[in-house]
PDB file of N, CA and C in Angstrom:
ATOM      1  N   MET A   1     -10.465 -13.188  46.650  1.00  0.00           N
ATOM      2  CA  MET A   1      -9.482 -12.739  45.695  1.00  0.00           C
ATOM      3  C   MET A   1     -10.038 -12.760  44.271  1.00  0.00           C
ATOM      4  N   PRO A   2     -11.053 -12.077  44.018  1.00  0.00           N
ATOM      5  CA  PRO A   2     -11.659 -12.075  42.693  1.00  0.00           C
ATOM      6  C   PRO A   2     -10.824 -11.342  41.648  1.00  0.00           C
ATOM      7  N   HIS A   3      -9.957 -10.412  42.069  1.00  0.00           N
ATOM      8  CA  HIS A   3      -9.185  -9.672  41.068  1.00  0.00           C
ATOM      9  C   HIS A   3      -8.124 -10.540  40.387  1.00  0.00           C
ATOM     10  N   PHE A   4      -7.772 -11.694  40.949  1.00  0.00           N
ATOM     11  CA  PHE A   4      -6.821 -12.597  40.305  1.00  0.00           C
ATOM     12  C   PHE A   4      -7.488 -13.467  39.245  1.00  0.00           C
ATOM     13  N   LEU A   5      -8.777 -13.546  39.275  1.00  0.00           N
ATOM     14  CA  LEU A   5      -9.487 -14.376  38.309  1.00  0.00           C
ATOM     15  C   LEU A   5      -9.350 -13.839  36.879  1.00  0.00           C
ATOM     16  N   CYS A   6      -9.347 -12.544  36.723  1.00  0.00           N
ATOM     17  CA  CYS A   6      -9.243 -11.989  35.366  1.00  0.00           C
ATOM     18  C   CYS A   6      -7.856 -12.221  34.773  1.00  0.00           C
ATOM     19  N   ILE A   7      -6.835 -12.338  35.596  1.00  0.00           N
ATOM     20  CA  ILE A   7      -5.486 -12.621  35.095  1.00  0.00           C
ATOM     21  C   ILE A   7      -5.409 -14.043  34.568  1.00  0.00           C
ATOM     22  N   ALA A   8      -6.045 -14.949  35.245  1.00  0.00           N
ATOM     23  CA  ALA A   8      -6.003 -16.348  34.848  1.00  0.00           C
ATOM     24  C   ALA A   8      -6.895 -16.628  33.648  1.00  0.00           C
ATOM     25  N   GLU A   9      -7.815 -15.725  33.337  1.00  0.00           N
ATOM     26  CA  GLU A   9      -8.730 -15.937  32.222  1.00  0.00           C
ATOM     27  C   GLU A   9      -7.959 -15.891  30.902  1.00  0.00           C
ATOM     28  N   GLU A  10      -8.232 -16.820  30.034  1.00  0.00           N
ATOM     29  CA  GLU A  10      -7.523 -16.913  28.772  1.00  0.00           C
ATOM     30  C   GLU A  10      -8.422 -16.420  27.647  1.00  0.00           C
ATOM     31  N   PHE A  11      -7.848 -15.612  26.743  1.00  0.00           N
ATOM     32  CA  PHE A  11      -8.612 -15.098  25.615  1.00  0.00           C
ATOM     33  C   PHE A  11      -8.303 -15.944  24.382  1.00  0.00           C
ATOM     34  N   PRO A  12      -9.281 -16.137  23.521  1.00  0.00           N
ATOM     35  CA  PRO A  12      -9.022 -16.946  22.319  1.00  0.00           C
ATOM     36  C   PRO A  12      -8.053 -16.213  21.386  1.00  0.00           C
ATOM     37  N   GLN A  13      -7.153 -16.964  20.795  1.00  0.00           N
ATOM     38  CA  GLN A  13      -6.179 -16.404  19.866  1.00  0.00           C
ATOM     39  C   GLN A  13      -6.859 -16.131  18.520  1.00  0.00           C
ATOM     40  N   PRO A  14      -6.486 -15.045  17.853  1.00  0.00           N
ATOM     41  CA  PRO A  14      -7.093 -14.763  16.547  1.00  0.00           C
ATOM     42  C   PRO A  14      -6.693 -15.831  15.534  1.00  0.00           C
ATOM     43  N   ILE A  15      -7.603 -16.097  14.644  1.00  0.00           N
ATOM     44  CA  ILE A  15      -7.346 -17.105  13.617  1.00  0.00           C
ATOM     45  C   ILE A  15      -6.530 -16.452  12.506  1.00  0.00           C
ATOM     46  N   ARG A  16      -5.389 -17.031  12.234  1.00  0.00           N
ATOM     47  CA  ARG A  16      -4.513 -16.508  11.186  1.00  0.00           C
ATOM     48  C   ARG A  16      -4.716 -17.319   9.913  1.00  0.00           C
ATOM     49  N   PRO A  17      -4.711 -16.626   8.774  1.00  0.00           N
ATOM     50  CA  PRO A  17      -4.840 -17.384   7.523  1.00  0.00           C
ATOM     51  C   PRO A  17      -3.588 -18.232   7.302  1.00  0.00           C
ATOM     52  N   ALA A  18      -3.796 -19.347   6.672  1.00  0.00           N
ATOM     53  CA  ALA A  18      -2.675 -20.249   6.407  1.00  0.00           C
ATOM     54  C   ALA A  18      -1.666 -19.539   5.512  1.00  0.00           C
ATOM     55  N   LYS A  19      -0.406 -19.677   5.873  1.00  0.00           N
ATOM     56  CA  LYS A  19       0.638 -19.025   5.087  1.00  0.00           C
ATOM     57  C   LYS A  19       0.875 -19.812   3.805  1.00  0.00           C
ATOM     58  N   LEU A  20       0.922 -19.057   2.708  1.00  0.00           N
ATOM     59  CA  LEU A  20       1.216 -19.666   1.418  1.00  0.00           C
ATOM     60  C   LEU A  20       2.687 -19.455   1.116  1.00  0.00           C
ATOM     61  N   ALA A  21       3.216 -20.341   0.349  1.00  0.00           N
ATOM     62  CA  ALA A  21       4.626 -20.218  -0.016  1.00  0.00           C
ATOM     63  C   ALA A  21       4.809 -18.955  -0.856  1.00  0.00           C
ATOM     64  N   LYS A  22       5.604 -18.018  -0.371  1.00  0.00           N
ATOM     65  CA  LYS A  22       5.781 -16.747  -1.073  1.00  0.00           C
ATOM     66  C   LYS A  22       6.555 -16.919  -2.374  1.00  0.00           C
ATOM     67  N   GLY A  23       7.485 -17.804  -2.399  1.00  0.00           N
ATOM     68  CA  GLY A  23       8.316 -17.994  -3.583  1.00  0.00           C
ATOM     69  C   GLY A  23       7.517 -18.430  -4.794  1.00  0.00           C
ATOM     70  N   LYS A  24       6.456 -19.162  -4.576  1.00  0.00           N
ATOM     71  CA  LYS A  24       5.671 -19.661  -5.699  1.00  0.00           C
ATOM     72  C   LYS A  24       4.747 -18.581  -6.258  1.00  0.00           C
ATOM     73  N   LEU A  25       4.310 -17.635  -5.418  1.00  0.00           N
ATOM     74  CA  LEU A  25       3.405 -16.596  -5.882  1.00  0.00           C
ATOM     75  C   LEU A  25       4.139 -15.485  -6.630  1.00  0.00           C
ATOM     76  N   ARG A  26       5.331 -15.182  -6.195  1.00  0.00           N
ATOM     77  CA  ARG A  26       6.078 -14.086  -6.804  1.00  0.00           C
ATOM     78  C   ARG A  26       7.043 -14.598  -7.866  1.00  0.00           C
ATOM     79  N   ARG A  27       7.236 -13.738  -8.852  1.00  0.00           N
ATOM     80  CA  ARG A  27       8.248 -14.049  -9.853  1.00  0.00           C
ATOM     81  C   ARG A  27       9.614 -13.714  -9.280  1.00  0.00           C
ATOM     82  N   PRO A  28      10.634 -14.344  -9.774  1.00  0.00           N
ATOM     83  CA  PRO A  28      11.977 -13.987  -9.295  1.00  0.00           C
ATOM     84  C   PRO A  28      12.275 -12.518  -9.585  1.00  0.00           C
ATOM     85  N   ARG A  29      13.024 -11.884  -8.713  1.00  0.00           N
ATOM     86  CA  ARG A  29      13.296 -10.456  -8.812  1.00  0.00           C
ATOM     87  C   ARG A  29      14.019 -10.080 -10.115  1.00  0.00           C
ATOM     88  N   GLN A  30      14.884 -10.961 -10.607  1.00  0.00           N
ATOM     89  CA  GLN A  30      15.640 -10.636 -11.812  1.00  0.00           C
ATOM     90  C   GLN A  30      14.723 -10.473 -13.023  1.00  0.00           C
ATOM     91  N   SER A  31      13.704 -11.281 -13.128  1.00  0.00           N
ATOM     92  CA  SER A  31      12.844 -11.221 -14.307  1.00  0.00           C
ATOM     93  C   SER A  31      11.806 -10.116 -14.201  1.00  0.00           C
ATOM     94  N   ARG A  32      11.702  -9.488 -13.061  1.00  0.00           N
ATOM     95  CA  ARG A  32      10.680  -8.476 -12.853  1.00  0.00           C
ATOM     96  C   ARG A  32      10.889  -7.243 -13.725  1.00  0.00           C
ATOM     97  N   PHE A  33      12.127  -6.851 -13.959  1.00  0.00           N
ATOM     98  CA  PHE A  33      12.401  -5.621 -14.670  1.00  0.00           C
ATOM     99  C   PHE A  33      12.828  -5.837 -16.120  1.00  0.00           C
ATOM    100  N   LYS A  34      12.853  -7.054 -16.563  1.00  0.00           N
ATOM    101  CA  LYS A  34      13.264  -7.317 -17.938  1.00  0.00           C
ATOM    102  C   LYS A  34      12.125  -6.979 -18.889  1.00  0.00           C
ATOM    103  N   THR A  35      12.484  -6.492 -20.064  1.00  0.00           N
ATOM    104  CA  THR A  35      11.478  -6.194 -21.077  1.00  0.00           C
ATOM    105  C   THR A  35      11.671  -7.119 -22.263  1.00  0.00           C
ATOM    106  N   GLN A  36      10.656  -7.194 -23.050  1.00  0.00           N
ATOM    107  CA  GLN A  36      10.695  -8.032 -24.239  1.00  0.00           C
ATOM    108  C   GLN A  36      11.468  -7.295 -25.328  1.00  0.00           C
ATOM    109  N   PRO A  37      12.451  -7.928 -25.953  1.00  0.00           N
ATOM    110  CA  PRO A  37      13.185  -7.237 -27.018  1.00  0.00           C
ATOM    111  C   PRO A  37      12.285  -6.953 -28.217  1.00  0.00           C
ATOM    112  N   VAL A  38      12.488  -5.803 -28.832  1.00  0.00           N
ATOM    113  CA  VAL A  38      11.689  -5.392 -29.977  1.00  0.00           C
ATOM    114  C   VAL A  38      12.634  -5.184 -31.153  1.00  0.00           C
ATOM    115  N   THR A  39      12.218  -5.674 -32.298  1.00  0.00           N
ATOM    116  CA  THR A  39      13.058  -5.514 -33.485  1.00  0.00           C
ATOM    117  C   THR A  39      12.741  -4.195 -34.173  1.00  0.00           C
ATOM    118  N   PHE A  40      13.653  -3.730 -34.998  1.00  0.00           N
ATOM    119  CA  PHE A  40      13.470  -2.480 -35.727  1.00  0.00           C
ATOM    120  C   PHE A  40      12.266  -2.565 -36.660  1.00  0.00           C
ATOM    121  N   ASP A  41      12.037  -3.734 -37.266  1.00  0.00           N
ATOM    122  CA  ASP A  41      10.898  -3.912 -38.174  1.00  0.00           C
ATOM    123  C   ASP A  41       9.580  -3.699 -37.447  1.00  0.00           C
ATOM    124  N   GLU A  42       9.481  -4.188 -36.215  1.00  0.00           N
ATOM    125  CA  GLU A  42       8.255  -4.005 -35.437  1.00  0.00           C
ATOM    126  C   GLU A  42       8.017  -2.529 -35.135  1.00  0.00           C
ATOM    127  N   ILE A  43       9.066  -1.792 -34.864  1.00  0.00           N
ATOM    128  CA  ILE A  43       8.932  -0.367 -34.575  1.00  0.00           C
ATOM    129  C   ILE A  43       8.440   0.370 -35.812  1.00  0.00           C
ATOM    130  N   GLN A  44       8.983   0.057 -36.958  1.00  0.00           N
ATOM    131  CA  GLN A  44       8.546   0.703 -38.195  1.00  0.00           C
ATOM    132  C   GLN A  44       7.079   0.408 -38.471  1.00  0.00           C
ATOM    133  N   GLU A  45       6.649  -0.827 -38.237  1.00  0.00           N
ATOM    134  CA  GLU A  45       5.257  -1.185 -38.473  1.00  0.00           C
ATOM    135  C   GLU A  45       4.330  -0.336 -37.626  1.00  0.00           C
ATOM    136  N   VAL A  46       4.661  -0.164 -36.376  1.00  0.00           N
ATOM    137  CA  VAL A  46       3.818   0.614 -35.475  1.00  0.00           C
ATOM    138  C   VAL A  46       3.756   2.062 -35.930  1.00  0.00           C
ATOM    139  N   GLU A  47       4.884   2.615 -36.351  1.00  0.00           N
ATOM    140  CA  GLU A  47       4.906   4.003 -36.790  1.00  0.00           C
ATOM    141  C   GLU A  47       4.121   4.204 -38.081  1.00  0.00           C
ATOM    142  N   GLU A  48       4.094   3.207 -38.937  1.00  0.00           N
ATOM    143  CA  GLU A  48       3.414   3.344 -40.211  1.00  0.00           C
ATOM    144  C   GLU A  48       1.911   3.134 -40.099  1.00  0.00           C
ATOM    145  N   GLU A  49       1.458   2.472 -39.054  1.00  0.00           N
ATOM    146  CA  GLU A  49       0.034   2.178 -38.918  1.00  0.00           C
ATOM    147  C   GLU A  49      -0.761   3.433 -38.587  1.00  0.00           C
ATOM    148  N   GLY A  50      -1.815   3.683 -39.339  1.00  0.00           N
ATOM    149  CA  GLY A  50      -2.813   4.683 -39.005  1.00  0.00           C
ATOM    150  C   GLY A  50      -2.342   6.117 -38.885  1.00  0.00           C
ATOM    151  N   VAL A  51      -1.276   6.509 -39.540  1.00  0.00           N
ATOM    152  CA  VAL A  51      -0.840   7.901 -39.476  1.00  0.00           C
ATOM    153  C   VAL A  51      -1.392   8.620 -40.700  1.00  0.00           C
ATOM    154  N   SER A  52      -2.309   9.536 -40.452  1.00  0.00           N
ATOM    155  CA  SER A  52      -2.877  10.289 -41.563  1.00  0.00           C
ATOM    156  C   SER A  52      -1.981  11.488 -41.864  1.00  0.00           C
ATOM    157  N   PRO A  53      -2.042  11.991 -43.080  1.00  0.00           N
ATOM    158  CA  PRO A  53      -1.236  13.175 -43.423  1.00  0.00           C
ATOM    159  C   PRO A  53      -1.556  14.373 -42.525  1.00  0.00           C
ATOM    160  N   MET A  54      -2.813  14.481 -42.113  1.00  0.00           N
ATOM    161  CA  MET A  54      -3.211  15.592 -41.248  1.00  0.00           C
ATOM    162  C   MET A  54      -2.547  15.466 -39.867  1.00  0.00           C
ATOM    163  N   GLU A  55      -2.535  14.236 -39.334  1.00  0.00           N
ATOM    164  CA  GLU A  55      -1.887  14.004 -38.037  1.00  0.00           C
ATOM    165  C   GLU A  55      -0.388  14.259 -38.132  1.00  0.00           C
ATOM    166  N   GLU A  56       0.187  13.836 -39.249  1.00  0.00           N
ATOM    167  CA  GLU A  56       1.620  14.027 -39.450  1.00  0.00           C
ATOM    168  C   GLU A  56       1.965  15.514 -39.521  1.00  0.00           C
ATOM    169  N   GLU A  57       1.139  16.275 -40.224  1.00  0.00           N
ATOM    170  CA  GLU A  57       1.358  17.724 -40.336  1.00  0.00           C
ATOM    171  C   GLU A  57       1.202  18.404 -38.975  1.00  0.00           C
ATOM    172  N   LYS A  58       0.229  17.960 -38.203  1.00  0.00           N
ATOM    173  CA  LYS A  58       0.001  18.515 -36.864  1.00  0.00           C
ATOM    174  C   LYS A  58       1.198  18.221 -35.951  1.00  0.00           C
ATOM    175  N   ALA A  59       1.715  17.001 -36.036  1.00  0.00           N
ATOM    176  CA  ALA A  59       2.873  16.618 -35.226  1.00  0.00           C
ATOM    177  C   ALA A  59       4.103  17.420 -35.641  1.00  0.00           C
ATOM    178  N   LYS A  60       4.268  17.633 -36.943  1.00  0.00           N
ATOM    179  CA  LYS A  60       5.407  18.407 -37.444  1.00  0.00           C
ATOM    180  C   LYS A  60       5.327  19.851 -36.957  1.00  0.00           C
ATOM    181  N   LYS A  61       4.128  20.426 -37.013  1.00  0.00           N
ATOM    182  CA  LYS A  61       3.926  21.807 -36.564  1.00  0.00           C
ATOM    183  C   LYS A  61       4.230  21.931 -35.071  1.00  0.00           C
ATOM    184  N   SER A  62       3.759  20.976 -34.301  1.00  0.00           N
ATOM    185  CA  SER A  62       4.008  20.971 -32.858  1.00  0.00           C
ATOM    186  C   SER A  62       5.501  20.848 -32.561  1.00  0.00           C
ATOM    187  N   PHE A  63       6.169  20.001 -33.310  1.00  0.00           N
ATOM    188  CA  PHE A  63       7.606  19.811 -33.137  1.00  0.00           C
ATOM    189  C   PHE A  63       8.368  21.097 -33.458  1.00  0.00           C
ATOM    190  N   LEU A  64       7.993  21.748 -34.557  1.00  0.00           N
ATOM    191  CA  LEU A  64       8.664  22.991 -34.941  1.00  0.00           C
ATOM    192  C   LEU A  64       8.414  24.099 -33.918  1.00  0.00           C
ATOM    193  N   GLN A  65       7.208  24.134 -33.348  1.00  0.00           N
ATOM    194  CA  GLN A  65       6.917  25.112 -32.295  1.00  0.00           C
ATOM    195  C   GLN A  65       7.784  24.852 -31.070  1.00  0.00           C
ATOM    196  N   SER A  66       7.949  23.588 -30.732  1.00  0.00           N
ATOM    197  CA  SER A  66       8.796  23.234 -29.589  1.00  0.00           C
ATOM    198  C   SER A  66      10.241  23.655 -29.832  1.00  0.00           C
ATOM    199  N   LEU A  67      10.724  23.419 -31.049  1.00  0.00           N
ATOM    200  CA  LEU A  67      12.091  23.826 -31.388  1.00  0.00           C
ATOM    201  C   LEU A  67      12.260  25.338 -31.288  1.00  0.00           C
ATOM    202  N   GLU A  68      11.277  26.074 -31.791  1.00  0.00           N
ATOM    203  CA  GLU A  68      11.340  27.535 -31.748  1.00  0.00           C
ATOM    204  C   GLU A  68      11.330  28.039 -30.305  1.00  0.00           C
ATOM    205  N   CYS A  69      10.495  27.442 -29.493  1.00  0.00           N
ATOM    206  CA  CYS A  69      10.422  27.814 -28.075  1.00  0.00           C
ATOM    207  C   CYS A  69      11.753  27.527 -27.383  1.00  0.00           C
ATOM    208  N   LEU A  70      12.330  26.399 -27.680  1.00  0.00           N
ATOM    209  CA  LEU A  70      13.622  26.033 -27.098  1.00  0.00           C
ATOM    210  C   LEU A  70      14.716  26.997 -27.557  1.00  0.00           C
ATOM    211  N   ARG A  71      14.696  27.360 -28.840  1.00  0.00           N
ATOM    212  CA  ARG A  71      15.681  28.296 -29.373  1.00  0.00           C
ATOM    213  C   ARG A  71      15.566  29.651 -28.677  1.00  0.00           C
ATOM    214  N   ARG A  72      14.323  30.125 -28.512  1.00  0.00           N
ATOM    215  CA  ARG A  72      14.117  31.419 -27.847  1.00  0.00           C
ATOM    216  C   ARG A  72      14.589  31.394 -26.399  1.00  0.00           C
ATOM    217  N   SER A  73      14.277  30.319 -25.699  1.00  0.00           N
ATOM    218  CA  SER A  73      14.660  30.257 -24.286  1.00  0.00           C
ATOM    219  C   SER A  73      16.176  30.207 -24.125  1.00  0.00           C
ATOM    220  N   THR A  74      16.862  29.475 -25.011  1.00  0.00           N
ATOM    221  CA  THR A  74      18.324  29.437 -24.917  1.00  0.00           C
ATOM    222  C   THR A  74      18.922  30.771 -25.334  1.00  0.00           C
ATOM    223  N   GLN A  75      18.292  31.443 -26.298  1.00  0.00           N
ATOM    224  CA  GLN A  75      18.765  32.757 -26.723  1.00  0.00           C
ATOM    225  C   GLN A  75      18.604  33.758 -25.575  1.00  0.00           C
ATOM    226  N   ASN A  76      17.469  33.713 -24.887  1.00  0.00           N
ATOM    227  CA  ASN A  76      17.240  34.603 -23.746  1.00  0.00           C
ATOM    228  C   ASN A  76      18.238  34.333 -22.633  1.00  0.00           C
ATOM    229  N   LEU A  77      18.534  33.075 -22.400  1.00  0.00           N
ATOM    230  CA  LEU A  77      19.509  32.740 -21.360  1.00  0.00           C
ATOM    231  C   LEU A  77      20.889  33.277 -21.704  1.00  0.00           C
ATOM    232  N   SER A  78      21.274  33.154 -22.972  1.00  0.00           N
ATOM    233  CA  SER A  78      22.597  33.645 -23.364  1.00  0.00           C
ATOM    234  C   SER A  78      22.648  35.169 -23.281  1.00  0.00           C
ATOM    235  N   LEU A  79      21.543  35.861 -23.625  1.00  0.00           N
ATOM    236  CA  LEU A  79      21.503  37.319 -23.504  1.00  0.00           C
ATOM    237  C   LEU A  79      21.604  37.748 -22.045  1.00  0.00           C
ATOM    238  N   GLN A  80      20.899  37.038 -21.170  1.00  0.00           N
ATOM    239  CA  GLN A  80      20.969  37.346 -19.739  1.00  0.00           C
ATOM    240  C   GLN A  80      22.387  37.136 -19.224  1.00  0.00           C
ATOM    241  N   LYS A  81      23.023  36.081 -19.690  1.00  0.00           N
ATOM    242  CA  LYS A  81      24.390  35.783 -19.254  1.00  0.00           C
ATOM    243  C   LYS A  81      25.345  36.880 -19.727  1.00  0.00           C
ATOM    244  N   GLU A  82      25.165  37.329 -20.988  1.00  0.00           N
ATOM    245  CA  GLU A  82      26.007  38.399 -21.524  1.00  0.00           C
ATOM    246  C   GLU A  82      25.822  39.689 -20.734  1.00  0.00           C
ATOM    247  N   LYS A  83      24.571  40.024 -20.409  1.00  0.00           N
ATOM    248  CA  LYS A  83      24.298  41.235 -19.627  1.00  0.00           C
ATOM    249  C   LYS A  83      24.973  41.157 -18.268  1.00  0.00           C
ATOM    250  N   LYS A  84      24.864  40.013 -17.658  1.00  0.00           N
ATOM    251  CA  LYS A  84      25.453  39.826 -16.335  1.00  0.00           C
ATOM    252  C   LYS A  84      26.974  39.963 -16.399  1.00  0.00           C
ATOM    253  N   LEU A  85      27.577  39.350 -17.415  1.00  0.00           N
ATOM    254  CA  LEU A  85      29.030  39.436 -17.567  1.00  0.00           C
ATOM    255  C   LEU A  85      29.478  40.864 -17.856  1.00  0.00           C
ATOM    256  N   SER A  86      28.735  41.573 -18.706  1.00  0.00           N
ATOM    257  CA  SER A  86      29.125  42.950 -19.036  1.00  0.00           C
ATOM    258  C   SER A  86      28.973  43.862 -17.827  1.00  0.00           C
ATOM    259  N   SER A  87      27.931  43.661 -17.028  1.00  0.00           N
ATOM    260  CA  SER A  87      27.770  44.486 -15.826  1.00  0.00           C
ATOM    261  C   SER A  87      28.871  44.179 -14.819  1.00  0.00           C
ATOM    262  N   CYS A  88      29.295  42.930 -14.735  1.00  0.00           N
ATOM    263  CA  CYS A  88      30.393  42.562 -13.830  1.00  0.00           C
ATOM    264  C   CYS A  88      31.701  43.191 -14.296  1.00  0.00           C
ATOM    265  N   SER A  89      31.943  43.197 -15.615  1.00  0.00           N
ATOM    266  CA  SER A  89      33.191  43.780 -16.118  1.00  0.00           C
ATOM    267  C   SER A  89      33.182  45.295 -15.944  1.00  0.00           C
ATOM    268  N   ARG A  90      32.011  45.945 -16.131  1.00  0.00           N
ATOM    269  CA  ARG A  90      31.921  47.388 -15.891  1.00  0.00           C
ATOM    270  C   ARG A  90      32.204  47.710 -14.434  1.00  0.00           C
ATOM    271  N   LEU A  91      31.657  46.904 -13.545  1.00  0.00           N
ATOM    272  CA  LEU A  91      31.884  47.106 -12.118  1.00  0.00           C
ATOM    273  C   LEU A  91      33.363  46.921 -11.794  1.00  0.00           C
ATOM    274  N   ARG A  92      33.969  45.912 -12.380  1.00  0.00           N
ATOM    275  CA  ARG A  92      35.391  45.649 -12.150  1.00  0.00           C
ATOM    276  C   ARG A  92      36.237  46.819 -12.662  1.00  0.00           C
ATOM    277  N   ASN A  93      35.887  47.331 -13.854  1.00  0.00           N
ATOM    278  CA  ASN A  93      36.623  48.468 -14.418  1.00  0.00           C
ATOM    279  C   ASN A  93      36.470  49.712 -13.555  1.00  0.00           C
ATOM    280  N   SER A  94      35.267  49.948 -13.062  1.00  0.00           N
ATOM    281  CA  SER A  94      35.063  51.129 -12.219  1.00  0.00           C
ATOM    282  C   SER A  94      35.820  50.990 -10.904  1.00  0.00           C
ATOM    283  N   LEU A  95      35.902  49.795 -10.382  1.00  0.00           N
ATOM    284  CA  LEU A  95      36.667  49.585  -9.155  1.00  0.00           C
ATOM    285  C   LEU A  95      38.156  49.773  -9.412  1.00  0.00           C
ATOM    286  N   ASP A  96      38.620  49.312 -10.566  1.00  0.00           N
ATOM    287  CA  ASP A  96      40.033  49.462 -10.910  1.00  0.00           C
ATOM    288  C   ASP A  96      40.407  50.938 -11.067  1.00  0.00           C
ATOM    289  N   SER A  97      39.536  51.718 -11.705  1.00  0.00           N
ATOM    290  CA  SER A  97      39.846  53.130 -11.938  1.00  0.00           C
ATOM    291  C   SER A  97      39.809  53.939 -10.647  1.00  0.00           C
ATOM    292  N   SER A  98      39.021  53.510  -9.680  1.00  0.00           N
ATOM    293  CA  SER A  98      38.961  54.242  -8.412  1.00  0.00           C
ATOM    294  C   SER A  98      40.033  53.787  -7.431  1.00  0.00           C
ATOM    295  N   ASP A  99      40.764  52.774  -7.797  1.00  0.00           N
ATOM    296  CA  ASP A  99      41.821  52.263  -6.921  1.00  0.00           C
ATOM    297  C   ASP A  99      42.965  53.278  -6.864  1.00  0.00           C
ATOM    298  N   SER A 100      43.444  53.583  -5.699  1.00  0.00           N
ATOM    299  CA  SER A 100      44.488  54.610  -5.539  1.00  0.00           C
ATOM    300  C   SER A 100      45.823  54.159  -6.116  1.00  0.00           C
ATOM    301  N   ASP A 101      46.062  52.876  -6.153  1.00  0.00           N
ATOM    302  CA  ASP A 101      47.328  52.364  -6.681  1.00  0.00           C
ATOM    303  C   ASP A 101      47.370  52.385  -8.207  1.00  0.00           C
ATOM    304  N   SER A 102      46.213  52.478  -8.858  1.00  0.00           N
ATOM    305  CA  SER A 102      46.188  52.423 -10.314  1.00  0.00           C
ATOM    306  C   SER A 102      46.781  53.684 -10.940  1.00  0.00           C
ATOM    307  N   ALA A 103      46.828  54.771 -10.203  1.00  0.00           N
ATOM    308  CA  ALA A 103      47.391  56.015 -10.734  1.00  0.00           C
ATOM    309  C   ALA A 103      48.904  55.947 -10.815  1.00  0.00           C
ATOM    310  N   LEU A 104      49.540  55.046 -10.096  1.00  0.00           N
ATOM    311  CA  LEU A 104      51.005  54.956 -10.088  1.00  0.00           C
ATOM    312  C   LEU A 104      51.558  54.267 -11.263  1.00  0.00           C
TER     313      LEU A 104
END
């Protein structure tokens, strides 16, 4: 009965690393998403540091370009909406005039 010998054979168990206490390694979940409060004075200091007039002018130009682009896109959207509404009203008027009951 040699085929029963392999069933009785025992394999060594893998060595597992010692478990460390998880609570001590991780910070509590509540403090994970908290940020450090910043005062208004600190924000002003950061904004005032190292801003050259050339950088400021470049940022202003970029901002104005963004505003212009936004204005154009909203203007185009409103024009498209007006066209769509006018075509719908023309269609409605043409349907009304072709209605047989409208002559009465």
